[in-house]
Amino acid sequence: MLADLITSKSRVKLLNVFLEHPSEIYHVRGLVRRTGDEINAVRRELLYLEKKGILLREPRANRVYYSLSKTYPYYFDLLRIAAKVVGLGEAILKNRAKIGKIKYAMFSGRFARRMEKKPTDVDLLIVGTIVLPELAVLIRDEEKRLNTEINYTVMTEEEFSFRKKKRDPFILSVLLGSRVMLSGDEESMLA
């Protein structure tokens, strides 16, 4: 969790808000409502995160808005961490034992960044011996929270290997696209 790395609770809450929806911009008062922290604590952390280059500050009329800086050198690293500690990624990792034996689990890069996607895009691919009803509960909860449908595919290791060897167009599109690994070794998945 981010709290393992960052000692400021307010900073962790703020980062969770920004990383949950990386493309959004937020007004200070909205961040106060979302975090439940005092306005001075939020302002102090926003100033710190802006100074470090993690956030961009944008004044508009008499309001100030903040967003994640895509030019921050560790922007994509933060997104990878967020995929594991926020939302569905966190739920999958916490419930690994109930879900089954996961060999590989990955989000598409577009899903991890909350970017607009095509209806045919797969948001989540899980390879292994999976208990589908347990996974389905986690996905339904996340769909409600995000108010969007999550397209996911589950395969056994044998099916994944077979389709990869046969150069299946679906598998190739997944492997050639951007991704954020939740579980498993990316190198062995691609080999």
N, C-alpha and C. Protein backbone atom coordinates (compact mmCIF):
# COMPACT_ATOMS: atom_id res chain seq x y z
N MET A 1 0.83 -1.19 0.00
CA MET A 1 0.00 0.00 0.00
C MET A 1 0.88 1.25 0.00
N LEU A 2 0.30 2.34 -0.47
CA LEU A 2 1.04 3.60 -0.47
C LEU A 2 1.44 4.02 0.93
N ALA A 3 0.62 3.66 1.92
CA ALA A 3 0.91 4.03 3.30
C ALA A 3 2.20 3.36 3.79
N ASP A 4 2.59 2.26 3.16
CA ASP A 4 3.85 1.61 3.52
C ASP A 4 5.05 2.45 3.11
N LEU A 5 4.88 3.27 2.08
CA LEU A 5 5.98 4.07 1.54
C LEU A 5 5.92 5.53 1.97
N ILE A 6 4.72 6.01 2.22
CA ILE A 6 4.53 7.44 2.50
C ILE A 6 3.96 7.59 3.90
N THR A 7 4.60 8.41 4.71
CA THR A 7 4.19 8.55 6.11
C THR A 7 3.02 9.52 6.31
N SER A 8 2.83 10.46 5.41
CA SER A 8 1.74 11.43 5.55
C SER A 8 0.42 10.81 5.11
N LYS A 9 -0.51 10.68 6.04
CA LYS A 9 -1.82 10.09 5.72
C LYS A 9 -2.58 10.96 4.72
N SER A 10 -2.47 12.28 4.87
CA SER A 10 -3.15 13.19 3.94
C SER A 10 -2.60 13.02 2.53
N ARG A 11 -1.29 12.87 2.41
CA ARG A 11 -0.66 12.69 1.10
C ARG A 11 -1.12 11.39 0.46
N VAL A 12 -1.21 10.34 1.25
CA VAL A 12 -1.67 9.05 0.74
C VAL A 12 -3.10 9.17 0.21
N LYS A 13 -3.97 9.82 0.98
CA LYS A 13 -5.36 10.00 0.55
C LYS A 13 -5.43 10.79 -0.76
N LEU A 14 -4.65 11.87 -0.83
CA LEU A 14 -4.65 12.69 -2.05
C LEU A 14 -4.15 11.89 -3.25
N LEU A 15 -3.05 11.18 -3.06
CA LEU A 15 -2.52 10.38 -4.17
C LEU A 15 -3.52 9.32 -4.62
N ASN A 16 -4.22 8.71 -3.67
CA ASN A 16 -5.24 7.73 -4.04
C ASN A 16 -6.32 8.35 -4.92
N VAL A 17 -6.75 9.57 -4.57
CA VAL A 17 -7.77 10.26 -5.37
C VAL A 17 -7.24 10.50 -6.78
N PHE A 18 -6.04 11.05 -6.90
CA PHE A 18 -5.48 11.36 -8.22
C PHE A 18 -5.20 10.10 -9.03
N LEU A 19 -4.71 9.07 -8.39
CA LEU A 19 -4.34 7.85 -9.11
C LEU A 19 -5.55 7.01 -9.50
N GLU A 20 -6.64 7.18 -8.78
CA GLU A 20 -7.86 6.46 -9.13
C GLU A 20 -8.42 6.95 -10.48
N HIS A 21 -8.27 8.23 -10.73
CA HIS A 21 -8.73 8.84 -11.98
C HIS A 21 -7.63 9.77 -12.48
N PRO A 22 -6.59 9.21 -13.10
CA PRO A 22 -5.39 9.99 -13.44
C PRO A 22 -5.61 11.14 -14.42
N SER A 23 -6.69 11.12 -15.17
CA SER A 23 -6.91 12.17 -16.16
C SER A 23 -7.76 13.32 -15.63
N GLU A 24 -8.30 13.18 -14.43
CA GLU A 24 -9.20 14.19 -13.87
C GLU A 24 -8.43 15.38 -13.29
N ILE A 25 -9.13 16.51 -13.23
CA ILE A 25 -8.60 17.67 -12.51
C ILE A 25 -9.52 17.92 -11.32
N TYR A 26 -8.94 18.41 -10.23
CA TYR A 26 -9.70 18.56 -8.99
C TYR A 26 -9.49 19.94 -8.40
N HIS A 27 -10.58 20.49 -7.87
CA HIS A 27 -10.55 21.74 -7.13
C HIS A 27 -10.20 21.41 -5.68
N VAL A 28 -9.59 22.33 -4.98
CA VAL A 28 -9.14 22.10 -3.61
C VAL A 28 -10.29 21.64 -2.72
N ARG A 29 -11.40 22.32 -2.78
CA ARG A 29 -12.55 21.97 -1.92
C ARG A 29 -13.06 20.56 -2.23
N GLY A 30 -13.05 20.17 -3.50
CA GLY A 30 -13.44 18.81 -3.88
C GLY A 30 -12.51 17.77 -3.28
N LEU A 31 -11.23 18.10 -3.23
CA LEU A 31 -10.25 17.19 -2.63
C LEU A 31 -10.45 17.08 -1.12
N VAL A 32 -10.82 18.19 -0.50
CA VAL A 32 -11.11 18.18 0.94
C VAL A 32 -12.28 17.24 1.21
N ARG A 33 -13.34 17.32 0.38
CA ARG A 33 -14.50 16.44 0.55
C ARG A 33 -14.13 14.98 0.33
N ARG A 34 -13.34 14.71 -0.72
CA ARG A 34 -12.98 13.33 -1.04
C ARG A 34 -12.07 12.69 0.01
N THR A 35 -11.18 13.47 0.59
CA THR A 35 -10.23 12.91 1.56
C THR A 35 -10.75 12.96 2.98
N GLY A 36 -11.65 13.91 3.27
CA GLY A 36 -12.14 14.07 4.63
C GLY A 36 -11.13 14.75 5.54
N ASP A 37 -10.08 15.34 4.96
CA ASP A 37 -9.05 16.01 5.74
C ASP A 37 -9.34 17.51 5.86
N GLU A 38 -8.66 18.14 6.80
CA GLU A 38 -8.76 19.58 6.98
C GLU A 38 -8.19 20.29 5.74
N ILE A 39 -8.75 21.45 5.42
CA ILE A 39 -8.33 22.17 4.23
C ILE A 39 -6.84 22.56 4.29
N ASN A 40 -6.34 22.92 5.46
CA ASN A 40 -4.94 23.30 5.57
C ASN A 40 -4.01 22.12 5.31
N ALA A 41 -4.40 20.94 5.77
CA ALA A 41 -3.59 19.74 5.52
C ALA A 41 -3.58 19.42 4.02
N VAL A 42 -4.73 19.56 3.38
CA VAL A 42 -4.81 19.30 1.94
C VAL A 42 -3.97 20.32 1.18
N ARG A 43 -4.09 21.58 1.52
CA ARG A 43 -3.30 22.61 0.83
C ARG A 43 -1.81 22.38 1.01
N ARG A 44 -1.39 22.03 2.21
CA ARG A 44 0.03 21.77 2.49
C ARG A 44 0.54 20.61 1.61
N GLU A 45 -0.23 19.54 1.52
CA GLU A 45 0.19 18.38 0.72
C GLU A 45 0.15 18.68 -0.78
N LEU A 46 -0.83 19.46 -1.21
CA LEU A 46 -0.89 19.85 -2.62
C LEU A 46 0.34 20.67 -2.99
N LEU A 47 0.70 21.60 -2.12
CA LEU A 47 1.89 22.42 -2.36
C LEU A 47 3.14 21.55 -2.45
N TYR A 48 3.26 20.59 -1.54
CA TYR A 48 4.41 19.67 -1.55
C TYR A 48 4.44 18.85 -2.85
N LEU A 49 3.30 18.28 -3.23
CA LEU A 49 3.24 17.44 -4.44
C LEU A 49 3.48 18.26 -5.70
N GLU A 50 3.04 19.52 -5.68
CA GLU A 50 3.31 20.41 -6.82
C GLU A 50 4.80 20.73 -6.89
N LYS A 51 5.39 21.03 -5.75
CA LYS A 51 6.82 21.37 -5.70
C LYS A 51 7.68 20.20 -6.21
N LYS A 52 7.27 18.97 -5.93
CA LYS A 52 8.01 17.78 -6.36
C LYS A 52 7.74 17.44 -7.83
N GLY A 53 6.78 18.13 -8.46
CA GLY A 53 6.49 17.90 -9.88
C GLY A 53 5.47 16.81 -10.12
N ILE A 54 4.87 16.29 -9.07
CA ILE A 54 3.88 15.21 -9.21
C ILE A 54 2.55 15.77 -9.69
N LEU A 55 2.19 16.96 -9.22
CA LEU A 55 0.93 17.60 -9.59
C LEU A 55 1.19 18.88 -10.37
N LEU A 56 0.22 19.21 -11.21
CA LEU A 56 0.21 20.49 -11.91
C LEU A 56 -0.84 21.37 -11.27
N ARG A 57 -0.53 22.62 -11.09
CA ARG A 57 -1.45 23.61 -10.52
C ARG A 57 -1.96 24.47 -11.66
N GLU A 58 -3.28 24.66 -11.71
CA GLU A 58 -3.87 25.45 -12.79
C GLU A 58 -4.90 26.43 -12.22
N PRO A 59 -4.52 27.72 -12.15
CA PRO A 59 -5.50 28.71 -11.69
C PRO A 59 -6.52 29.00 -12.80
N ARG A 60 -7.78 29.05 -12.43
CA ARG A 60 -8.86 29.41 -13.35
C ARG A 60 -9.78 30.38 -12.63
N ALA A 61 -9.86 31.58 -13.15
CA ALA A 61 -10.64 32.64 -12.50
C ALA A 61 -10.19 32.76 -11.05
N ASN A 62 -11.09 32.52 -10.09
CA ASN A 62 -10.70 32.64 -8.69
C ASN A 62 -10.54 31.27 -8.02
N ARG A 63 -10.38 30.23 -8.81
CA ARG A 63 -10.22 28.88 -8.28
C ARG A 63 -8.89 28.29 -8.73
N VAL A 64 -8.41 27.31 -7.96
CA VAL A 64 -7.17 26.61 -8.31
C VAL A 64 -7.50 25.13 -8.46
N TYR A 65 -7.05 24.54 -9.57
CA TYR A 65 -7.28 23.13 -9.85
C TYR A 65 -5.94 22.40 -9.92
N TYR A 66 -5.98 21.11 -9.60
CA TYR A 66 -4.78 20.28 -9.62
C TYR A 66 -5.04 19.02 -10.44
N SER A 67 -3.98 18.55 -11.09
CA SER A 67 -4.03 17.29 -11.83
C SER A 67 -2.67 16.62 -11.77
N LEU A 68 -2.64 15.33 -12.06
CA LEU A 68 -1.36 14.62 -12.12
C LEU A 68 -0.56 15.13 -13.30
N SER A 69 0.72 15.29 -13.10
CA SER A 69 1.60 15.74 -14.18
C SER A 69 2.09 14.53 -14.97
N LYS A 70 1.72 14.50 -16.24
CA LYS A 70 2.15 13.39 -17.10
C LYS A 70 3.64 13.50 -17.45
N THR A 71 4.25 14.64 -17.14
CA THR A 71 5.69 14.80 -17.40
C THR A 71 6.53 14.42 -16.18
N TYR A 72 5.88 14.10 -15.07
CA TYR A 72 6.61 13.65 -13.89
C TYR A 72 7.36 12.37 -14.27
N PRO A 73 8.67 12.29 -14.01
CA PRO A 73 9.46 11.14 -14.46
C PRO A 73 8.93 9.79 -14.00
N TYR A 74 8.23 9.75 -12.87
CA TYR A 74 7.73 8.48 -12.35
C TYR A 74 6.22 8.34 -12.51
N TYR A 75 5.63 9.10 -13.43
CA TYR A 75 4.19 9.07 -13.65
C TYR A 75 3.69 7.66 -13.93
N PHE A 76 4.31 6.98 -14.87
CA PHE A 76 3.85 5.64 -15.24
C PHE A 76 4.15 4.63 -14.13
N ASP A 77 5.20 4.86 -13.38
CA ASP A 77 5.48 4.00 -12.23
C ASP A 77 4.39 4.16 -11.16
N LEU A 78 3.94 5.40 -10.96
CA LEU A 78 2.84 5.63 -10.02
C LEU A 78 1.57 4.92 -10.48
N LEU A 79 1.30 4.96 -11.79
CA LEU A 79 0.12 4.27 -12.31
C LEU A 79 0.22 2.76 -12.09
N ARG A 80 1.42 2.21 -12.26
CA ARG A 80 1.61 0.77 -12.02
C ARG A 80 1.37 0.43 -10.55
N ILE A 81 1.87 1.27 -9.67
CA ILE A 81 1.65 1.05 -8.24
C ILE A 81 0.16 1.17 -7.93
N ALA A 82 -0.47 2.20 -8.46
CA ALA A 82 -1.89 2.44 -8.21
C ALA A 82 -2.74 1.26 -8.68
N ALA A 83 -2.38 0.65 -9.78
CA ALA A 83 -3.14 -0.49 -10.29
C ALA A 83 -3.18 -1.62 -9.27
N LYS A 84 -2.18 -1.67 -8.40
CA LYS A 84 -2.11 -2.74 -7.41
C LYS A 84 -2.66 -2.35 -6.04
N VAL A 85 -2.78 -1.07 -5.76
CA VAL A 85 -3.18 -0.65 -4.42
C VAL A 85 -4.52 0.09 -4.37
N VAL A 86 -5.16 0.27 -5.53
CA VAL A 86 -6.44 0.98 -5.58
C VAL A 86 -7.43 0.14 -6.39
N GLY A 87 -8.64 0.07 -5.93
CA GLY A 87 -9.72 -0.52 -6.71
C GLY A 87 -9.59 -2.01 -6.97
N LEU A 88 -9.86 -2.41 -8.22
CA LEU A 88 -9.92 -3.82 -8.60
C LEU A 88 -8.59 -4.53 -8.40
N GLY A 89 -7.50 -3.88 -8.72
CA GLY A 89 -6.19 -4.51 -8.53
C GLY A 89 -5.96 -4.88 -7.08
N GLU A 90 -6.28 -3.95 -6.19
CA GLU A 90 -6.15 -4.22 -4.76
C GLU A 90 -7.04 -5.39 -4.35
N ALA A 91 -8.28 -5.39 -4.83
CA ALA A 91 -9.22 -6.46 -4.47
C ALA A 91 -8.74 -7.82 -4.97
N ILE A 92 -8.22 -7.86 -6.19
CA ILE A 92 -7.72 -9.13 -6.73
C ILE A 92 -6.54 -9.64 -5.91
N LEU A 93 -5.61 -8.76 -5.61
CA LEU A 93 -4.43 -9.18 -4.85
C LEU A 93 -4.79 -9.60 -3.42
N LYS A 94 -5.74 -8.90 -2.80
CA LYS A 94 -6.15 -9.26 -1.43
C LYS A 94 -6.89 -10.59 -1.40
N ASN A 95 -7.58 -10.92 -2.48
CA ASN A 95 -8.42 -12.12 -2.52
C ASN A 95 -7.83 -13.23 -3.38
N ARG A 96 -6.54 -13.23 -3.56
CA ARG A 96 -5.87 -14.24 -4.40
C ARG A 96 -6.25 -15.66 -4.03
N ALA A 97 -6.26 -15.95 -2.75
CA ALA A 97 -6.55 -17.32 -2.30
C ALA A 97 -7.95 -17.75 -2.70
N LYS A 98 -8.93 -16.84 -2.61
CA LYS A 98 -10.31 -17.17 -2.97
C LYS A 98 -10.50 -17.25 -4.49
N ILE A 99 -9.74 -16.44 -5.24
CA ILE A 99 -9.89 -16.39 -6.69
C ILE A 99 -9.32 -17.63 -7.37
N GLY A 100 -8.26 -18.19 -6.82
CA GLY A 100 -7.66 -19.38 -7.41
C GLY A 100 -6.16 -19.18 -7.60
N LYS A 101 -5.62 -19.95 -8.52
CA LYS A 101 -4.18 -19.91 -8.78
C LYS A 101 -3.93 -19.02 -10.00
N ILE A 102 -3.41 -17.82 -9.77
CA ILE A 102 -3.17 -16.86 -10.84
C ILE A 102 -1.73 -16.99 -11.33
N LYS A 103 -1.58 -17.26 -12.62
CA LYS A 103 -0.24 -17.28 -13.24
C LYS A 103 0.12 -15.86 -13.70
N TYR A 104 -0.81 -15.23 -14.44
CA TYR A 104 -0.62 -13.86 -14.90
C TYR A 104 -1.94 -13.10 -14.71
N ALA A 105 -1.82 -11.86 -14.31
CA ALA A 105 -2.97 -10.96 -14.26
C ALA A 105 -2.47 -9.60 -14.71
N MET A 106 -3.19 -8.99 -15.64
CA MET A 106 -2.76 -7.70 -16.17
C MET A 106 -3.96 -6.85 -16.57
N PHE A 107 -3.79 -5.54 -16.38
CA PHE A 107 -4.75 -4.56 -16.89
C PHE A 107 -4.22 -4.03 -18.20
N SER A 108 -5.11 -3.65 -19.09
CA SER A 108 -4.65 -2.93 -20.28
C SER A 108 -4.19 -1.55 -19.84
N GLY A 109 -3.26 -0.98 -20.56
CA GLY A 109 -2.77 0.36 -20.23
C GLY A 109 -3.87 1.39 -20.26
N ARG A 110 -4.80 1.26 -21.19
CA ARG A 110 -5.90 2.22 -21.30
C ARG A 110 -6.81 2.15 -20.06
N PHE A 111 -7.05 0.94 -19.56
CA PHE A 111 -7.88 0.79 -18.37
C PHE A 111 -7.16 1.38 -17.15
N ALA A 112 -5.88 1.09 -17.01
CA ALA A 112 -5.11 1.59 -15.87
C ALA A 112 -5.07 3.11 -15.84
N ARG A 113 -5.08 3.74 -17.02
CA ARG A 113 -5.04 5.21 -17.10
C ARG A 113 -6.43 5.81 -17.15
N ARG A 114 -7.45 4.96 -17.15
CA ARG A 114 -8.86 5.39 -17.23
C ARG A 114 -9.11 6.19 -18.51
N MET A 115 -8.49 5.73 -19.60
CA MET A 115 -8.67 6.40 -20.88
C MET A 115 -9.87 5.80 -21.60
N GLU A 116 -10.38 6.55 -22.56
CA GLU A 116 -11.48 6.04 -23.37
C GLU A 116 -11.01 4.82 -24.14
N LYS A 117 -11.89 3.85 -24.26
CA LYS A 117 -11.51 2.60 -24.91
C LYS A 117 -12.55 2.19 -25.92
N LYS A 118 -12.16 1.25 -26.78
CA LYS A 118 -13.09 0.68 -27.75
C LYS A 118 -13.90 -0.42 -27.06
N PRO A 119 -15.10 -0.67 -27.53
CA PRO A 119 -15.91 -1.73 -26.90
C PRO A 119 -15.25 -3.11 -26.97
N THR A 120 -14.34 -3.31 -27.92
CA THR A 120 -13.69 -4.62 -28.06
C THR A 120 -12.44 -4.75 -27.20
N ASP A 121 -11.99 -3.67 -26.57
CA ASP A 121 -10.79 -3.73 -25.73
C ASP A 121 -11.02 -4.59 -24.49
N VAL A 122 -10.00 -5.33 -24.12
CA VAL A 122 -10.05 -6.11 -22.88
C VAL A 122 -9.34 -5.32 -21.79
N ASP A 123 -10.04 -5.10 -20.69
CA ASP A 123 -9.49 -4.33 -19.58
C ASP A 123 -8.60 -5.18 -18.68
N LEU A 124 -8.96 -6.44 -18.53
CA LEU A 124 -8.29 -7.32 -17.59
C LEU A 124 -8.15 -8.70 -18.21
N LEU A 125 -6.95 -9.24 -18.14
CA LEU A 125 -6.69 -10.62 -18.58
C LEU A 125 -6.10 -11.37 -17.40
N ILE A 126 -6.70 -12.51 -17.08
CA ILE A 126 -6.19 -13.35 -16.00
C ILE A 126 -5.97 -14.75 -16.57
N VAL A 127 -4.77 -15.27 -16.34
CA VAL A 127 -4.41 -16.62 -16.79
C VAL A 127 -4.14 -17.46 -15.55
N GLY A 128 -4.78 -18.62 -15.50
CA GLY A 128 -4.57 -19.52 -14.37
C GLY A 128 -5.80 -20.38 -14.14
N THR A 129 -5.87 -20.98 -12.98
CA THR A 129 -7.03 -21.78 -12.57
C THR A 129 -7.84 -20.88 -11.64
N ILE A 130 -8.91 -20.32 -12.19
CA ILE A 130 -9.64 -19.25 -11.52
C ILE A 130 -11.04 -19.70 -11.11
N VAL A 131 -11.47 -19.27 -9.93
CA VAL A 131 -12.83 -19.49 -9.47
C VAL A 131 -13.65 -18.30 -9.98
N LEU A 132 -14.33 -18.51 -11.09
CA LEU A 132 -15.01 -17.40 -11.78
C LEU A 132 -16.05 -16.67 -10.92
N PRO A 133 -16.89 -17.35 -10.13
CA PRO A 133 -17.85 -16.59 -9.32
C PRO A 133 -17.18 -15.62 -8.34
N GLU A 134 -16.06 -16.02 -7.77
CA GLU A 134 -15.35 -15.13 -6.84
C GLU A 134 -14.80 -13.90 -7.57
N LEU A 135 -14.23 -14.11 -8.74
CA LEU A 135 -13.72 -13.00 -9.54
C LEU A 135 -14.85 -12.09 -10.00
N ALA A 136 -15.96 -12.69 -10.41
CA ALA A 136 -17.10 -11.92 -10.91
C ALA A 136 -17.64 -10.95 -9.84
N VAL A 137 -17.64 -11.37 -8.59
CA VAL A 137 -18.11 -10.50 -7.50
C VAL A 137 -17.22 -9.26 -7.40
N LEU A 138 -15.90 -9.47 -7.46
CA LEU A 138 -14.97 -8.34 -7.37
C LEU A 138 -15.15 -7.39 -8.56
N ILE A 139 -15.34 -7.95 -9.73
CA ILE A 139 -15.50 -7.12 -10.93
C ILE A 139 -16.81 -6.35 -10.87
N ARG A 140 -17.89 -6.99 -10.45
CA ARG A 140 -19.17 -6.27 -10.33
C ARG A 140 -19.07 -5.11 -9.34
N ASP A 141 -18.38 -5.33 -8.23
CA ASP A 141 -18.22 -4.25 -7.25
C ASP A 141 -17.46 -3.08 -7.86
N GLU A 142 -16.41 -3.37 -8.62
CA GLU A 142 -15.62 -2.31 -9.25
C GLU A 142 -16.42 -1.60 -10.35
N GLU A 143 -17.23 -2.36 -11.09
CA GLU A 143 -18.08 -1.75 -12.13
C GLU A 143 -19.06 -0.75 -11.50
N LYS A 144 -19.62 -1.11 -10.36
CA LYS A 144 -20.53 -0.19 -9.66
C LYS A 144 -19.78 1.06 -9.20
N ARG A 145 -18.59 0.83 -8.63
CA ARG A 145 -17.81 1.95 -8.11
C ARG A 145 -17.39 2.91 -9.21
N LEU A 146 -16.95 2.36 -10.36
CA LEU A 146 -16.50 3.20 -11.47
C LEU A 146 -17.63 3.62 -12.40
N ASN A 147 -18.79 2.99 -12.24
CA ASN A 147 -19.94 3.25 -13.10
C ASN A 147 -19.60 2.99 -14.57
N THR A 148 -18.93 1.87 -14.82
CA THR A 148 -18.58 1.48 -16.19
C THR A 148 -18.43 -0.03 -16.26
N GLU A 149 -18.59 -0.57 -17.44
CA GLU A 149 -18.43 -2.01 -17.63
C GLU A 149 -16.94 -2.34 -17.76
N ILE A 150 -16.55 -3.45 -17.18
CA ILE A 150 -15.17 -3.92 -17.27
C ILE A 150 -15.16 -5.18 -18.11
N ASN A 151 -14.44 -5.12 -19.24
CA ASN A 151 -14.30 -6.29 -20.11
C ASN A 151 -13.13 -7.12 -19.62
N TYR A 152 -13.39 -8.37 -19.31
CA TYR A 152 -12.30 -9.21 -18.80
C TYR A 152 -12.33 -10.58 -19.47
N THR A 153 -11.17 -11.19 -19.52
CA THR A 153 -11.02 -12.52 -20.09
C THR A 153 -10.22 -13.37 -19.12
N VAL A 154 -10.67 -14.60 -18.94
CA VAL A 154 -9.99 -15.56 -18.08
C VAL A 154 -9.64 -16.77 -18.93
N MET A 155 -8.40 -17.25 -18.81
CA MET A 155 -7.94 -18.43 -19.56
C MET A 155 -7.13 -19.32 -18.66
N THR A 156 -7.13 -20.59 -19.01
CA THR A 156 -6.21 -21.51 -18.34
C THR A 156 -4.82 -21.28 -18.93
N GLU A 157 -3.80 -21.78 -18.25
CA GLU A 157 -2.43 -21.66 -18.77
C GLU A 157 -2.30 -22.39 -20.11
N GLU A 158 -2.95 -23.55 -20.22
CA GLU A 158 -2.88 -24.34 -21.45
C GLU A 158 -3.50 -23.57 -22.62
N GLU A 159 -4.67 -23.00 -22.40
CA GLU A 159 -5.33 -22.24 -23.48
C GLU A 159 -4.48 -21.04 -23.88
N PHE A 160 -3.95 -20.33 -22.90
CA PHE A 160 -3.12 -19.17 -23.19
C PHE A 160 -1.90 -19.57 -24.01
N SER A 161 -1.20 -20.62 -23.59
CA SER A 161 -0.01 -21.10 -24.32
C SER A 161 -0.37 -21.53 -25.74
N PHE A 162 -1.46 -22.28 -25.87
CA PHE A 162 -1.90 -22.75 -27.19
C PHE A 162 -2.20 -21.57 -28.11
N ARG A 163 -2.99 -20.61 -27.61
CA ARG A 163 -3.38 -19.46 -28.44
C ARG A 163 -2.18 -18.58 -28.78
N LYS A 164 -1.22 -18.50 -27.85
CA LYS A 164 -0.01 -17.72 -28.12
C LYS A 164 0.81 -18.40 -29.21
N LYS A 165 0.97 -19.72 -29.15
CA LYS A 165 1.72 -20.47 -30.17
C LYS A 165 1.07 -20.36 -31.54
N LYS A 166 -0.26 -20.36 -31.57
CA LYS A 166 -1.00 -20.28 -32.83
C LYS A 166 -1.11 -18.85 -33.35
N ARG A 167 -0.53 -17.91 -32.59
CA ARG A 167 -0.54 -16.49 -32.94
C ARG A 167 -1.98 -15.97 -33.12
N ASP A 168 -2.80 -16.36 -32.17
CA ASP A 168 -4.20 -15.94 -32.14
C ASP A 168 -4.27 -14.41 -32.15
N PRO A 169 -5.07 -13.83 -33.04
CA PRO A 169 -5.14 -12.35 -33.15
C PRO A 169 -5.52 -11.66 -31.84
N PHE A 170 -6.42 -12.27 -31.08
CA PHE A 170 -6.81 -11.67 -29.80
C PHE A 170 -5.63 -11.62 -28.84
N ILE A 171 -4.93 -12.74 -28.69
CA ILE A 171 -3.79 -12.80 -27.78
C ILE A 171 -2.69 -11.85 -28.25
N LEU A 172 -2.44 -11.81 -29.55
CA LEU A 172 -1.41 -10.90 -30.06
C LEU A 172 -1.76 -9.45 -29.77
N SER A 173 -3.04 -9.09 -29.93
CA SER A 173 -3.44 -7.70 -29.66
C SER A 173 -3.23 -7.36 -28.18
N VAL A 174 -3.50 -8.32 -27.30
CA VAL A 174 -3.29 -8.09 -25.86
C VAL A 174 -1.80 -7.96 -25.55
N LEU A 175 -1.00 -8.86 -26.12
CA LEU A 175 0.43 -8.87 -25.82
C LEU A 175 1.18 -7.70 -26.45
N LEU A 176 0.67 -7.19 -27.56
CA LEU A 176 1.33 -6.06 -28.22
C LEU A 176 0.87 -4.71 -27.67
N GLY A 177 -0.23 -4.71 -26.93
CA GLY A 177 -0.73 -3.46 -26.36
C GLY A 177 -0.01 -3.10 -25.07
N SER A 178 -0.27 -1.90 -24.59
CA SER A 178 0.32 -1.49 -23.31
C SER A 178 -0.42 -2.20 -22.19
N ARG A 179 0.29 -2.46 -21.10
CA ARG A 179 -0.31 -3.21 -20.01
C ARG A 179 0.34 -2.84 -18.69
N VAL A 180 -0.36 -3.17 -17.63
CA VAL A 180 0.16 -3.04 -16.28
C VAL A 180 -0.03 -4.40 -15.63
N MET A 181 1.08 -5.03 -15.28
CA MET A 181 1.03 -6.36 -14.67
C MET A 181 0.61 -6.26 -13.21
N LEU A 182 -0.38 -7.07 -12.84
CA LEU A 182 -0.78 -7.18 -11.45
C LEU A 182 -0.04 -8.32 -10.78
N SER A 183 0.13 -9.39 -11.53
CA SER A 183 0.72 -10.58 -10.96
C SER A 183 1.40 -11.37 -12.07
N GLY A 184 2.51 -11.99 -11.74
CA GLY A 184 3.22 -12.82 -12.70
C GLY A 184 4.37 -12.07 -13.35
N ASP A 185 5.21 -12.84 -14.00
CA ASP A 185 6.41 -12.30 -14.65
C ASP A 185 6.09 -11.94 -16.11
N GLU A 186 6.19 -10.67 -16.42
CA GLU A 186 5.87 -10.20 -17.76
C GLU A 186 6.76 -10.83 -18.81
N GLU A 187 8.03 -10.99 -18.51
CA GLU A 187 8.96 -11.59 -19.48
C GLU A 187 8.57 -13.02 -19.84
N SER A 188 8.21 -13.82 -18.83
CA SER A 188 7.82 -15.20 -19.14
C SER A 188 6.47 -15.23 -19.85
N MET A 189 5.60 -14.28 -19.60
CA MET A 189 4.32 -14.21 -20.30
C MET A 189 4.54 -13.94 -21.78
N LEU A 190 5.49 -13.06 -22.08
CA LEU A 190 5.73 -12.69 -23.47
C LEU A 190 6.57 -13.72 -24.22
N ALA A 191 7.34 -14.53 -23.51
CA ALA A 191 8.25 -15.50 -24.16
C ALA A 191 7.50 -16.60 -24.88
